[in-house]
Amino acid sequence: MKVYKFPFSIAYADTDAGGIVYHGRYIEIAERARMNILRGIKFPDGDVGFVIRDLNIRYIKPLFLGDEFVVETTVVKFGAASMSVEQKFVKDGEICAILSGTAAYIGANMMPRRIPNSVAAPFKD
């Protein structure tokens, strides 16, 4: 499976009063990494695209102000109308957090629909 890498560094706005990354920021950073992957894909007119159906995060080791790390995203399952991803927050070779989630593909009517081939093609090896 292909691993997409997204480098990131922690800014003051990412931290809480204790100087560690606020837990909710992991979700935002993971979203940026996923959007970076989707950036070059042309979605059919009218389709909304992928929306998050579920997320799970396991915090292993804290990240701090100034830390530089990489979010490694892997599409672990690609279904007819959804995809599941695993995202690892890796600093100096150590995993600091793991996010796993599923995104459903929806059309203009806000209902799930089959992922068009033009959207799915970049993810198929």
PDB file of N, CA and C in Angstrom:
ATOM      1  N   MET A   1       0.824  -1.177   0.000  1.00  0.00           N
ATOM      2  CA  MET A   1       0.000   0.000   0.000  1.00  0.00           C
ATOM      3  C   MET A   1       0.872   1.246   0.000  1.00  0.00           C
ATOM      4  N   LYS A   2       0.433   2.240  -0.747  1.00  0.00           N
ATOM      5  CA  LYS A   2       1.184   3.482  -0.854  1.00  0.00           C
ATOM      6  C   LYS A   2       1.037   4.300   0.426  1.00  0.00           C
ATOM      7  N   VAL A   3       2.140   4.891   0.874  1.00  0.00           N
ATOM      8  CA  VAL A   3       2.144   5.762   2.047  1.00  0.00           C
ATOM      9  C   VAL A   3       2.370   7.197   1.559  1.00  0.00           C
ATOM     10  N   TYR A   4       1.435   8.070   1.889  1.00  0.00           N
ATOM     11  CA  TYR A   4       1.532   9.485   1.546  1.00  0.00           C
ATOM     12  C   TYR A   4       2.113  10.215   2.756  1.00  0.00           C
ATOM     13  N   LYS A   5       3.142  11.028   2.533  1.00  0.00           N
ATOM     14  CA  LYS A   5       3.811  11.707   3.647  1.00  0.00           C
ATOM     15  C   LYS A   5       3.553  13.212   3.589  1.00  0.00           C
ATOM     16  N   PHE A   6       3.169  13.759   4.740  1.00  0.00           N
ATOM     17  CA  PHE A   6       2.848  15.178   4.866  1.00  0.00           C
ATOM     18  C   PHE A   6       3.636  15.752   6.042  1.00  0.00           C
ATOM     19  N   PRO A   7       4.677  16.573   5.765  1.00  0.00           N
ATOM     20  CA  PRO A   7       5.464  17.155   6.857  1.00  0.00           C
ATOM     21  C   PRO A   7       4.698  18.289   7.541  1.00  0.00           C
ATOM     22  N   PHE A   8       4.915  18.425   8.824  1.00  0.00           N
ATOM     23  CA  PHE A   8       4.214  19.452   9.598  1.00  0.00           C
ATOM     24  C   PHE A   8       5.096  19.865  10.768  1.00  0.00           C
ATOM     25  N   SER A   9       4.978  21.128  11.170  1.00  0.00           N
ATOM     26  CA  SER A   9       5.676  21.576  12.377  1.00  0.00           C
ATOM     27  C   SER A   9       4.666  22.262  13.293  1.00  0.00           C
ATOM     28  N   ILE A  10       4.848  22.075  14.578  1.00  0.00           N
ATOM     29  CA  ILE A  10       3.909  22.564  15.575  1.00  0.00           C
ATOM     30  C   ILE A  10       4.151  24.045  15.861  1.00  0.00           C
ATOM     31  N   ALA A  11       3.089  24.833  15.710  1.00  0.00           N
ATOM     32  CA  ALA A  11       3.126  26.262  16.015  1.00  0.00           C
ATOM     33  C   ALA A  11       2.472  26.506  17.378  1.00  0.00           C
ATOM     34  N   TYR A  12       2.661  27.703  17.886  1.00  0.00           N
ATOM     35  CA  TYR A  12       2.099  28.051  19.190  1.00  0.00           C
ATOM     36  C   TYR A  12       0.587  27.816  19.228  1.00  0.00           C
ATOM     37  N   ALA A  13      -0.117  28.145  18.154  1.00  0.00           N
ATOM     38  CA  ALA A  13      -1.579  27.992  18.099  1.00  0.00           C
ATOM     39  C   ALA A  13      -2.024  26.535  18.199  1.00  0.00           C
ATOM     40  N   ASP A  14      -1.126  25.592  17.978  1.00  0.00           N
ATOM     41  CA  ASP A  14      -1.461  24.164  18.045  1.00  0.00           C
ATOM     42  C   ASP A  14      -1.397  23.614  19.465  1.00  0.00           C
ATOM     43  N   THR A  15      -0.853  24.395  20.396  1.00  0.00           N
ATOM     44  CA  THR A  15      -0.594  23.865  21.737  1.00  0.00           C
ATOM     45  C   THR A  15      -1.605  24.361  22.771  1.00  0.00           C
ATOM     46  N   ASP A  16      -1.660  23.644  23.877  1.00  0.00           N
ATOM     47  CA  ASP A  16      -2.507  24.064  24.999  1.00  0.00           C
ATOM     48  C   ASP A  16      -1.657  24.832  26.013  1.00  0.00           C
ATOM     49  N   ALA A  17      -2.234  25.156  27.154  1.00  0.00           N
ATOM     50  CA  ALA A  17      -1.523  25.939  28.171  1.00  0.00           C
ATOM     51  C   ALA A  17      -0.274  25.235  28.695  1.00  0.00           C
ATOM     52  N   GLY A  18      -0.227  23.909  28.571  1.00  0.00           N
ATOM     53  CA  GLY A  18       0.929  23.148  29.033  1.00  0.00           C
ATOM     54  C   GLY A  18       2.034  23.022  28.002  1.00  0.00           C
ATOM     55  N   GLY A  19       1.815  23.574  26.791  1.00  0.00           N
ATOM     56  CA  GLY A  19       2.835  23.525  25.755  1.00  0.00           C
ATOM     57  C   GLY A  19       2.835  22.267  24.910  1.00  0.00           C
ATOM     58  N   ILE A  20       1.855  21.381  25.135  1.00  0.00           N
ATOM     59  CA  ILE A  20       1.751  20.190  24.285  1.00  0.00           C
ATOM     60  C   ILE A  20       0.618  20.396  23.287  1.00  0.00           C
ATOM     61  N   VAL A  21       0.645  19.623  22.217  1.00  0.00           N
ATOM     62  CA  VAL A  21      -0.380  19.763  21.186  1.00  0.00           C
ATOM     63  C   VAL A  21      -1.742  19.413  21.773  1.00  0.00           C
ATOM     64  N   TYR A  22      -2.687  20.328  21.594  1.00  0.00           N
ATOM     65  CA  TYR A  22      -4.064  20.134  22.029  1.00  0.00           C
ATOM     66  C   TYR A  22      -4.640  18.943  21.267  1.00  0.00           C
ATOM     67  N   HIS A  23      -5.351  18.068  21.965  1.00  0.00           N
ATOM     68  CA  HIS A  23      -5.797  16.804  21.361  1.00  0.00           C
ATOM     69  C   HIS A  23      -6.638  16.997  20.096  1.00  0.00           C
ATOM     70  N   GLY A  24      -7.449  18.036  20.040  1.00  0.00           N
ATOM     71  CA  GLY A  24      -8.285  18.269  18.868  1.00  0.00           C
ATOM     72  C   GLY A  24      -7.509  18.677  17.631  1.00  0.00           C
ATOM     73  N   ARG A  25      -6.327  19.210  17.820  1.00  0.00           N
ATOM     74  CA  ARG A  25      -5.512  19.640  16.676  1.00  0.00           C
ATOM     75  C   ARG A  25      -5.040  18.457  15.841  1.00  0.00           C
ATOM     76  N   TYR A  26      -4.919  17.294  16.460  1.00  0.00           N
ATOM     77  CA  TYR A  26      -4.518  16.114  15.689  1.00  0.00           C
ATOM     78  C   TYR A  26      -5.518  15.857  14.562  1.00  0.00           C
ATOM     79  N   ILE A  27      -6.798  16.068  14.841  1.00  0.00           N
ATOM     80  CA  ILE A  27      -7.832  15.848  13.821  1.00  0.00           C
ATOM     81  C   ILE A  27      -7.655  16.847  12.683  1.00  0.00           C
ATOM     82  N   GLU A  28      -7.404  18.099  13.012  1.00  0.00           N
ATOM     83  CA  GLU A  28      -7.211  19.115  11.982  1.00  0.00           C
ATOM     84  C   GLU A  28      -5.961  18.835  11.147  1.00  0.00           C
ATOM     85  N   ILE A  29      -4.883  18.462  11.798  1.00  0.00           N
ATOM     86  CA  ILE A  29      -3.644  18.158  11.074  1.00  0.00           C
ATOM     87  C   ILE A  29      -3.844  16.950  10.165  1.00  0.00           C
ATOM     88  N   ALA A  30      -4.541  15.930  10.665  1.00  0.00           N
ATOM     89  CA  ALA A  30      -4.827  14.747   9.844  1.00  0.00           C
ATOM     90  C   ALA A  30      -5.672  15.126   8.635  1.00  0.00           C
ATOM     91  N   GLU A  31      -6.636  16.026   8.825  1.00  0.00           N
ATOM     92  CA  GLU A  31      -7.470  16.497   7.717  1.00  0.00           C
ATOM     93  C   GLU A  31      -6.624  17.195   6.661  1.00  0.00           C
ATOM     94  N   ARG A  32      -5.688  18.026   7.088  1.00  0.00           N
ATOM     95  CA  ARG A  32      -4.804  18.698   6.128  1.00  0.00           C
ATOM     96  C   ARG A  32      -4.001  17.678   5.322  1.00  0.00           C
ATOM     97  N   ALA A  33      -3.532  16.641   5.988  1.00  0.00           N
ATOM     98  CA  ALA A  33      -2.772  15.598   5.291  1.00  0.00           C
ATOM     99  C   ALA A  33      -3.655  14.888   4.265  1.00  0.00           C
ATOM    100  N   ARG A  34      -4.906  14.579   4.644  1.00  0.00           N
ATOM    101  CA  ARG A  34      -5.819  13.921   3.693  1.00  0.00           C
ATOM    102  C   ARG A  34      -6.148  14.845   2.521  1.00  0.00           C
ATOM    103  N   MET A  35      -6.383  16.121   2.805  1.00  0.00           N
ATOM    104  CA  MET A  35      -6.697  17.070   1.737  1.00  0.00           C
ATOM    105  C   MET A  35      -5.511  17.253   0.796  1.00  0.00           C
ATOM    106  N   ASN A  36      -4.308  17.160   1.306  1.00  0.00           N
ATOM    107  CA  ASN A  36      -3.126  17.249   0.466  1.00  0.00           C
ATOM    108  C   ASN A  36      -3.103  16.110  -0.558  1.00  0.00           C
ATOM    109  N   ILE A  37      -3.554  14.940  -0.145  1.00  0.00           N
ATOM    110  CA  ILE A  37      -3.622  13.790  -1.051  1.00  0.00           C
ATOM    111  C   ILE A  37      -4.669  14.021  -2.132  1.00  0.00           C
ATOM    112  N   LEU A  38      -5.807  14.603  -1.750  1.00  0.00           N
ATOM    113  CA  LEU A  38      -6.927  14.785  -2.681  1.00  0.00           C
ATOM    114  C   LEU A  38      -6.782  16.021  -3.564  1.00  0.00           C
ATOM    115  N   ARG A  39      -5.788  16.845  -3.298  1.00  0.00           N
ATOM    116  CA  ARG A  39      -5.646  18.136  -3.973  1.00  0.00           C
ATOM    117  C   ARG A  39      -5.723  18.046  -5.499  1.00  0.00           C
ATOM    118  N   GLY A  40      -5.085  17.096  -6.105  1.00  0.00           N
ATOM    119  CA  GLY A  40      -5.033  17.024  -7.557  1.00  0.00           C
ATOM    120  C   GLY A  40      -6.188  16.290  -8.214  1.00  0.00           C
ATOM    121  N   ILE A  41      -7.134  15.807  -7.424  1.00  0.00           N
ATOM    122  CA  ILE A  41      -8.239  15.027  -7.983  1.00  0.00           C
ATOM    123  C   ILE A  41      -9.391  15.948  -8.361  1.00  0.00           C
ATOM    124  N   LYS A  42      -9.913  15.786  -9.579  1.00  0.00           N
ATOM    125  CA  LYS A  42     -11.067  16.556 -10.044  1.00  0.00           C
ATOM    126  C   LYS A  42     -12.320  15.772  -9.705  1.00  0.00           C
ATOM    127  N   PHE A  43     -13.131  16.324  -8.801  1.00  0.00           N
ATOM    128  CA  PHE A  43     -14.388  15.678  -8.437  1.00  0.00           C
ATOM    129  C   PHE A  43     -15.456  16.049  -9.458  1.00  0.00           C
ATOM    130  N   PRO A  44     -16.324  15.087  -9.826  1.00  0.00           N
ATOM    131  CA  PRO A  44     -17.399  15.395 -10.775  1.00  0.00           C
ATOM    132  C   PRO A  44     -18.264  16.551 -10.273  1.00  0.00           C
ATOM    133  N   ASP A  45     -18.751  17.375 -11.205  1.00  0.00           N
ATOM    134  CA  ASP A  45     -19.604  18.509 -10.843  1.00  0.00           C
ATOM    135  C   ASP A  45     -20.788  18.047 -10.013  1.00  0.00           C
ATOM    136  N   GLY A  46     -21.043  18.758  -8.946  1.00  0.00           N
ATOM    137  CA  GLY A  46     -22.185  18.449  -8.089  1.00  0.00           C
ATOM    138  C   GLY A  46     -21.865  17.521  -6.938  1.00  0.00           C
ATOM    139  N   ASP A  47     -20.819  16.716  -7.063  1.00  0.00           N
ATOM    140  CA  ASP A  47     -20.469  15.818  -5.962  1.00  0.00           C
ATOM    141  C   ASP A  47     -19.817  16.618  -4.834  1.00  0.00           C
ATOM    142  N   VAL A  48     -20.138  16.255  -3.620  1.00  0.00           N
ATOM    143  CA  VAL A  48     -19.528  16.894  -2.464  1.00  0.00           C
ATOM    144  C   VAL A  48     -18.141  16.314  -2.238  1.00  0.00           C
ATOM    145  N   GLY A  49     -18.016  14.990  -2.396  1.00  0.00           N
ATOM    146  CA  GLY A  49     -16.735  14.318  -2.182  1.00  0.00           C
ATOM    147  C   GLY A  49     -16.766  13.474  -0.932  1.00  0.00           C
ATOM    148  N   PHE A  50     -15.634  13.388  -0.258  1.00  0.00           N
ATOM    149  CA  PHE A  50     -15.521  12.537   0.928  1.00  0.00           C
ATOM    150  C   PHE A  50     -15.911  13.299   2.198  1.00  0.00           C
ATOM    151  N   VAL A  51     -16.695  12.636   3.038  1.00  0.00           N
ATOM    152  CA  VAL A  51     -17.036  13.166   4.360  1.00  0.00           C
ATOM    153  C   VAL A  51     -16.686  12.096   5.392  1.00  0.00           C
ATOM    154  N   ILE A  52     -16.221  12.527   6.535  1.00  0.00           N
ATOM    155  CA  ILE A  52     -15.797  11.579   7.575  1.00  0.00           C
ATOM    156  C   ILE A  52     -17.010  10.903   8.206  1.00  0.00           C
ATOM    157  N   ARG A  53     -16.965   9.588   8.254  1.00  0.00           N
ATOM    158  CA  ARG A  53     -18.027   8.796   8.888  1.00  0.00           C
ATOM    159  C   ARG A  53     -17.638   8.414  10.311  1.00  0.00           C
ATOM    160  N   ASP A  54     -16.380   8.062  10.523  1.00  0.00           N
ATOM    161  CA  ASP A  54     -15.926   7.742  11.877  1.00  0.00           C
ATOM    162  C   ASP A  54     -14.425   7.972  11.995  1.00  0.00           C
ATOM    163  N   LEU A  55     -13.999   8.257  13.224  1.00  0.00           N
ATOM    164  CA  LEU A  55     -12.585   8.485  13.530  1.00  0.00           C
ATOM    165  C   LEU A  55     -12.245   7.858  14.873  1.00  0.00           C
ATOM    166  N   ASN A  56     -11.027   7.379  14.969  1.00  0.00           N
ATOM    167  CA  ASN A  56     -10.513   6.874  16.237  1.00  0.00           C
ATOM    168  C   ASN A  56      -9.061   7.338  16.346  1.00  0.00           C
ATOM    169  N   ILE A  57      -8.695   7.855  17.508  1.00  0.00           N
ATOM    170  CA  ILE A  57      -7.321   8.321  17.703  1.00  0.00           C
ATOM    171  C   ILE A  57      -6.730   7.658  18.939  1.00  0.00           C
ATOM    172  N   ARG A  58      -5.493   7.189  18.774  1.00  0.00           N
ATOM    173  CA  ARG A  58      -4.745   6.671  19.915  1.00  0.00           C
ATOM    174  C   ARG A  58      -3.519   7.571  20.094  1.00  0.00           C
ATOM    175  N   TYR A  59      -3.463   8.228  21.229  1.00  0.00           N
ATOM    176  CA  TYR A  59      -2.335   9.101  21.552  1.00  0.00           C
ATOM    177  C   TYR A  59      -1.277   8.267  22.268  1.00  0.00           C
ATOM    178  N   ILE A  60      -0.061   8.288  21.732  1.00  0.00           N
ATOM    179  CA  ILE A  60       1.003   7.442  22.271  1.00  0.00           C
ATOM    180  C   ILE A  60       2.071   8.272  22.977  1.00  0.00           C
ATOM    181  N   LYS A  61       2.482   9.346  22.349  1.00  0.00           N
ATOM    182  CA  LYS A  61       3.563  10.182  22.875  1.00  0.00           C
ATOM    183  C   LYS A  61       3.242  11.631  22.496  1.00  0.00           C
ATOM    184  N   PRO A  62       3.364  12.576  23.422  1.00  0.00           N
ATOM    185  CA  PRO A  62       2.972  13.954  23.107  1.00  0.00           C
ATOM    186  C   PRO A  62       3.908  14.633  22.109  1.00  0.00           C
ATOM    187  N   LEU A  63       3.338  15.582  21.379  1.00  0.00           N
ATOM    188  CA  LEU A  63       4.108  16.476  20.522  1.00  0.00           C
ATOM    189  C   LEU A  63       4.106  17.850  21.180  1.00  0.00           C
ATOM    190  N   PHE A  64       5.193  18.620  20.969  1.00  0.00           N
ATOM    191  CA  PHE A  64       5.374  19.898  21.646  1.00  0.00           C
ATOM    192  C   PHE A  64       5.623  21.019  20.638  1.00  0.00           C
ATOM    193  N   LEU A  65       5.510  22.244  21.131  1.00  0.00           N
ATOM    194  CA  LEU A  65       5.788  23.430  20.338  1.00  0.00           C
ATOM    195  C   LEU A  65       7.146  23.299  19.653  1.00  0.00           C
ATOM    196  N   GLY A  66       7.165  23.550  18.342  1.00  0.00           N
ATOM    197  CA  GLY A  66       8.403  23.479  17.574  1.00  0.00           C
ATOM    198  C   GLY A  66       8.734  22.113  17.007  1.00  0.00           C
ATOM    199  N   ASP A  67       8.030  21.077  17.461  1.00  0.00           N
ATOM    200  CA  ASP A  67       8.303  19.735  16.931  1.00  0.00           C
ATOM    201  C   ASP A  67       8.005  19.673  15.438  1.00  0.00           C
ATOM    202  N   GLU A  68       8.872  18.985  14.714  1.00  0.00           N
ATOM    203  CA  GLU A  68       8.658  18.703  13.299  1.00  0.00           C
ATOM    204  C   GLU A  68       8.434  17.215  13.164  1.00  0.00           C
ATOM    205  N   PHE A  69       7.431  16.844  12.394  1.00  0.00           N
ATOM    206  CA  PHE A  69       7.063  15.440  12.251  1.00  0.00           C
ATOM    207  C   PHE A  69       6.416  15.234  10.893  1.00  0.00           C
ATOM    208  N   VAL A  70       6.057  13.991  10.611  1.00  0.00           N
ATOM    209  CA  VAL A  70       5.415  13.632   9.348  1.00  0.00           C
ATOM    210  C   VAL A  70       4.133  12.869   9.657  1.00  0.00           C
ATOM    211  N   VAL A  71       3.067  13.210   8.932  1.00  0.00           N
ATOM    212  CA  VAL A  71       1.844  12.411   8.989  1.00  0.00           C
ATOM    213  C   VAL A  71       1.920  11.438   7.820  1.00  0.00           C
ATOM    214  N   GLU A  72       1.957  10.148   8.132  1.00  0.00           N
ATOM    215  CA  GLU A  72       2.006   9.104   7.109  1.00  0.00           C
ATOM    216  C   GLU A  72       0.602   8.542   6.945  1.00  0.00           C
ATOM    217  N   THR A  73       0.015   8.753   5.773  1.00  0.00           N
ATOM    218  CA  THR A  73      -1.357   8.322   5.505  1.00  0.00           C
ATOM    219  C   THR A  73      -1.354   7.139   4.555  1.00  0.00           C
ATOM    220  N   THR A  74      -2.073   6.099   4.932  1.00  0.00           N
ATOM    221  CA  THR A  74      -2.226   4.907   4.100  1.00  0.00           C
ATOM    222  C   THR A  74      -3.709   4.623   3.928  1.00  0.00           C
ATOM    223  N   VAL A  75      -4.133   4.421   2.680  1.00  0.00           N
ATOM    224  CA  VAL A  75      -5.504   3.982   2.425  1.00  0.00           C
ATOM    225  C   VAL A  75      -5.498   2.473   2.634  1.00  0.00           C
ATOM    226  N   VAL A  76      -6.131   2.018   3.705  1.00  0.00           N
ATOM    227  CA  VAL A  76      -6.082   0.600   4.063  1.00  0.00           C
ATOM    228  C   VAL A  76      -7.224  -0.198   3.448  1.00  0.00           C
ATOM    229  N   LYS A  77      -8.295   0.484   3.044  1.00  0.00           N
ATOM    230  CA  LYS A  77      -9.416  -0.200   2.393  1.00  0.00           C
ATOM    231  C   LYS A  77     -10.109   0.797   1.485  1.00  0.00           C
ATOM    232  N   PHE A  78     -10.360   0.352   0.266  1.00  0.00           N
ATOM    233  CA  PHE A  78     -11.054   1.204  -0.694  1.00  0.00           C
ATOM    234  C   PHE A  78     -12.286   0.451  -1.162  1.00  0.00           C
ATOM    235  N   GLY A  79     -13.454   0.892  -0.711  1.00  0.00           N
ATOM    236  CA  GLY A  79     -14.705   0.231  -1.066  1.00  0.00           C
ATOM    237  C   GLY A  79     -15.404   0.944  -2.206  1.00  0.00           C
ATOM    238  N   ALA A  80     -16.610   0.493  -2.515  1.00  0.00           N
ATOM    239  CA  ALA A  80     -17.383   1.075  -3.610  1.00  0.00           C
ATOM    240  C   ALA A  80     -17.790   2.518  -3.312  1.00  0.00           C
ATOM    241  N   ALA A  81     -18.100   2.816  -2.048  1.00  0.00           N
ATOM    242  CA  ALA A  81     -18.574   4.153  -1.689  1.00  0.00           C
ATOM    243  C   ALA A  81     -17.845   4.743  -0.482  1.00  0.00           C
ATOM    244  N   SER A  82     -16.744   4.131  -0.083  1.00  0.00           N
ATOM    245  CA  SER A  82     -16.003   4.654   1.070  1.00  0.00           C
ATOM    246  C   SER A  82     -14.541   4.227   1.005  1.00  0.00           C
ATOM    247  N   MET A  83     -13.745   4.911   1.807  1.00  0.00           N
ATOM    248  CA  MET A  83     -12.354   4.493   1.960  1.00  0.00           C
ATOM    249  C   MET A  83     -11.980   4.624   3.431  1.00  0.00           C
ATOM    250  N   SER A  84     -11.123   3.716   3.878  1.00  0.00           N
ATOM    251  CA  SER A  84     -10.630   3.734   5.251  1.00  0.00           C
ATOM    252  C   SER A  84      -9.145   4.057   5.219  1.00  0.00           C
ATOM    253  N   VAL A  85      -8.739   4.935   6.127  1.00  0.00           N
ATOM    254  CA  VAL A  85      -7.345   5.356   6.177  1.00  0.00           C
ATOM    255  C   VAL A  85      -6.764   5.141   7.563  1.00  0.00           C
ATOM    256  N   GLU A  86      -5.443   5.010   7.582  1.00  0.00           N
ATOM    257  CA  GLU A  86      -4.693   5.023   8.832  1.00  0.00           C
ATOM    258  C   GLU A  86      -3.665   6.132   8.693  1.00  0.00           C
ATOM    259  N   GLN A  87      -3.569   6.979   9.713  1.00  0.00           N
ATOM    260  CA  GLN A  87      -2.626   8.082   9.686  1.00  0.00           C
ATOM    261  C   GLN A  87      -1.758   8.025  10.937  1.00  0.00           C
ATOM    262  N   LYS A  88      -0.456   7.951  10.707  1.00  0.00           N
ATOM    263  CA  LYS A  88       0.500   7.891  11.807  1.00  0.00           C
ATOM    264  C   LYS A  88       1.239   9.222  11.892  1.00  0.00           C
ATOM    265  N   PHE A  89       1.316   9.760  13.100  1.00  0.00           N
ATOM    266  CA  PHE A  89       2.083  10.961  13.374  1.00  0.00           C
ATOM    267  C   PHE A  89       3.461  10.488  13.835  1.00  0.00           C
ATOM    268  N   VAL A  90       4.482  10.691  13.000  1.00  0.00           N
ATOM    269  CA  VAL A  90       5.804  10.117  13.247  1.00  0.00           C
ATOM    270  C   VAL A  90       6.842  11.225  13.416  1.00  0.00           C
ATOM    271  N   LYS A  91       7.534  11.188  14.572  1.00  0.00           N
ATOM    272  CA  LYS A  91       8.606  12.149  14.852  1.00  0.00           C
ATOM    273  C   LYS A  91       9.883  11.367  15.143  1.00  0.00           C
ATOM    274  N   ASP A  92      10.908  11.633  14.374  1.00  0.00           N
ATOM    275  CA  ASP A  92      12.206  10.973  14.570  1.00  0.00           C
ATOM    276  C   ASP A  92      12.066   9.455  14.623  1.00  0.00           C
ATOM    277  N   GLY A  93      11.231   8.911  13.748  1.00  0.00           N
ATOM    278  CA  GLY A  93      11.049   7.464  13.661  1.00  0.00           C
ATOM    279  C   GLY A  93      10.122   6.864  14.696  1.00  0.00           C
ATOM    280  N   GLU A  94       9.620   7.672  15.624  1.00  0.00           N
ATOM    281  CA  GLU A  94       8.718   7.167  16.660  1.00  0.00           C
ATOM    282  C   GLU A  94       7.284   7.595  16.376  1.00  0.00           C
ATOM    283  N   ILE A  95       6.351   6.668  16.550  1.00  0.00           N
ATOM    284  CA  ILE A  95       4.934   6.969  16.350  1.00  0.00           C
ATOM    285  C   ILE A  95       4.409   7.675  17.593  1.00  0.00           C
ATOM    286  N   CYS A  96       3.847   8.866  17.387  1.00  0.00           N
ATOM    287  CA  CYS A  96       3.303   9.658  18.500  1.00  0.00           C
ATOM    288  C   CYS A  96       1.790   9.507  18.624  1.00  0.00           C
ATOM    289  N   ALA A  97       1.121   9.250  17.513  1.00  0.00           N
ATOM    290  CA  ALA A  97      -0.331   9.068  17.523  1.00  0.00           C
ATOM    291  C   ALA A  97      -0.728   8.305  16.271  1.00  0.00           C
ATOM    292  N   ILE A  98      -1.837   7.586  16.374  1.00  0.00           N
ATOM    293  CA  ILE A  98      -2.388   6.867  15.222  1.00  0.00           C
ATOM    294  C   ILE A  98      -3.866   7.216  15.113  1.00  0.00           C
ATOM    295  N   LEU A  99      -4.258   7.705  13.952  1.00  0.00           N
ATOM    296  CA  LEU A  99      -5.649   8.018  13.667  1.00  0.00           C
ATOM    297  C   LEU A  99      -6.138   7.040  12.610  1.00  0.00           C
ATOM    298  N   SER A 100      -7.281   6.440  12.840  1.00  0.00           N
ATOM    299  CA  SER A 100      -7.891   5.600  11.813  1.00  0.00           C
ATOM    300  C   SER A 100      -9.311   6.085  11.602  1.00  0.00           C
ATOM    301  N   GLY A 101      -9.761   6.026  10.365  1.00  0.00           N
ATOM    302  CA  GLY A 101     -11.101   6.522  10.083  1.00  0.00           C
ATOM    303  C   GLY A 101     -11.612   6.064   8.742  1.00  0.00           C
ATOM    304  N   THR A 102     -12.895   6.306   8.545  1.00  0.00           N
ATOM    305  CA  THR A 102     -13.563   5.961   7.297  1.00  0.00           C
ATOM    306  C   THR A 102     -14.245   7.203   6.748  1.00  0.00           C
ATOM    307  N   ALA A 103     -14.090   7.419   5.457  1.00  0.00           N
ATOM    308  CA  ALA A 103     -14.741   8.531   4.773  1.00  0.00           C
ATOM    309  C   ALA A 103     -15.690   7.966   3.726  1.00  0.00           C
ATOM    310  N   ALA A 104     -16.918   8.462   3.733  1.00  0.00           N
ATOM    311  CA  ALA A 104     -17.910   8.057   2.736  1.00  0.00           C
ATOM    312  C   ALA A 104     -17.899   9.074   1.604  1.00  0.00           C
ATOM    313  N   TYR A 105     -18.195   8.607   0.406  1.00  0.00           N
ATOM    314  CA  TYR A 105     -18.280   9.499  -0.750  1.00  0.00           C
ATOM    315  C   TYR A 105     -19.742   9.863  -0.946  1.00  0.00           C
ATOM    316  N   ILE A 106     -20.035  11.166  -1.037  1.00  0.00           N
ATOM    317  CA  ILE A 106     -21.428  11.569  -1.204  1.00  0.00           C
ATOM    318  C   ILE A 106     -21.599  12.496  -2.399  1.00  0.00           C
ATOM    319  N   GLY A 107     -22.800  12.433  -2.960  1.00  0.00           N
ATOM    320  CA  GLY A 107     -23.150  13.277  -4.092  1.00  0.00           C
ATOM    321  C   GLY A 107     -23.847  14.549  -3.640  1.00  0.00           C
ATOM    322  N   ALA A 108     -24.379  15.300  -4.609  1.00  0.00           N
ATOM    323  CA  ALA A 108     -25.040  16.573  -4.327  1.00  0.00           C
ATOM    324  C   ALA A 108     -26.261  16.413  -3.433  1.00  0.00           C
ATOM    325  N   ASN A 109     -26.884  15.237  -3.454  1.00  0.00           N
ATOM    326  CA  ASN A 109     -28.068  14.990  -2.621  1.00  0.00           C
ATOM    327  C   ASN A 109     -27.701  14.609  -1.187  1.00  0.00           C
ATOM    328  N   MET A 110     -26.411  14.665  -0.861  1.00  0.00           N
ATOM    329  CA  MET A 110     -25.882  14.338   0.467  1.00  0.00           C
ATOM    330  C   MET A 110     -26.072  12.874   0.847  1.00  0.00           C
ATOM    331  N   MET A 111     -26.234  12.035  -0.144  1.00  0.00           N
ATOM    332  CA  MET A 111     -26.375  10.598   0.068  1.00  0.00           C
ATOM    333  C   MET A 111     -25.121   9.901  -0.455  1.00  0.00           C
ATOM    334  N   PRO A 112     -24.745   8.773   0.174  1.00  0.00           N
ATOM    335  CA  PRO A 112     -23.590   8.022  -0.323  1.00  0.00           C
ATOM    336  C   PRO A 112     -23.801   7.590  -1.768  1.00  0.00           C
ATOM    337  N   ARG A 113     -22.739   7.586  -2.511  1.00  0.00           N
ATOM    338  CA  ARG A 113     -22.783   7.102  -3.892  1.00  0.00           C
ATOM    339  C   ARG A 113     -21.457   6.432  -4.220  1.00  0.00           C
ATOM    340  N   ARG A 114     -21.484   5.656  -5.290  1.00  0.00           N
ATOM    341  CA  ARG A 114     -20.277   4.961  -5.741  1.00  0.00           C
ATOM    342  C   ARG A 114     -19.193   5.987  -6.070  1.00  0.00           C
ATOM    343  N   ILE A 115     -17.975   5.656  -5.672  1.00  0.00           N
ATOM    344  CA  ILE A 115     -16.845   6.537  -5.967  1.00  0.00           C
ATOM    345  C   ILE A 115     -16.547   6.451  -7.464  1.00  0.00           C
ATOM    346  N   PRO A 116     -16.568   7.593  -8.168  1.00  0.00           N
ATOM    347  CA  PRO A 116     -16.279   7.570  -9.605  1.00  0.00           C
ATOM    348  C   PRO A 116     -14.863   7.049  -9.880  1.00  0.00           C
ATOM    349  N   ASN A 117     -14.698   6.392 -11.018  1.00  0.00           N
ATOM    350  CA  ASN A 117     -13.382   5.853 -11.388  1.00  0.00           C
ATOM    351  C   ASN A 117     -12.308   6.936 -11.420  1.00  0.00           C
ATOM    352  N   SER A 118     -12.678   8.140 -11.866  1.00  0.00           N
ATOM    353  CA  SER A 118     -11.696   9.228 -11.945  1.00  0.00           C
ATOM    354  C   SER A 118     -11.170   9.623 -10.565  1.00  0.00           C
ATOM    355  N   VAL A 119     -11.977   9.420  -9.531  1.00  0.00           N
ATOM    356  CA  VAL A 119     -11.563   9.722  -8.161  1.00  0.00           C
ATOM    357  C   VAL A 119     -10.799   8.542  -7.565  1.00  0.00           C
ATOM    358  N   ALA A 120     -11.236   7.334  -7.875  1.00  0.00           N
ATOM    359  CA  ALA A 120     -10.636   6.125  -7.298  1.00  0.00           C
ATOM    360  C   ALA A 120      -9.278   5.774  -7.913  1.00  0.00           C
ATOM    361  N   ALA A 121      -9.087   6.101  -9.187  1.00  0.00           N
ATOM    362  CA  ALA A 121      -7.892   5.665  -9.923  1.00  0.00           C
ATOM    363  C   ALA A 121      -6.567   5.967  -9.221  1.00  0.00           C
ATOM    364  N   PRO A 122      -6.362   7.170  -8.674  1.00  0.00           N
ATOM    365  CA  PRO A 122      -5.060   7.440  -8.041  1.00  0.00           C
ATOM    366  C   PRO A 122      -4.744   6.551  -6.839  1.00  0.00           C
ATOM    367  N   PHE A 123      -5.750   5.936  -6.240  1.00  0.00           N
ATOM    368  CA  PHE A 123      -5.537   5.129  -5.041  1.00  0.00           C
ATOM    369  C   PHE A 123      -5.326   3.649  -5.340  1.00  0.00           C
ATOM    370  N   LYS A 124      -5.546   3.266  -6.575  1.00  0.00           N
ATOM    371  CA  LYS A 124      -5.416   1.855  -6.937  1.00  0.00           C
ATOM    372  C   LYS A 124      -4.046   1.612  -7.531  1.00  0.00           C
ATOM    373  N   ASP A 125      -3.332   0.676  -6.942  1.00  0.00           N
ATOM    374  CA  ASP A 125      -1.954   0.372  -7.402  1.00  0.00           C
ATOM    375  C   ASP A 125      -1.959  -0.475  -8.639  1.00  0.00           C
TER     376      ASP A 125
END
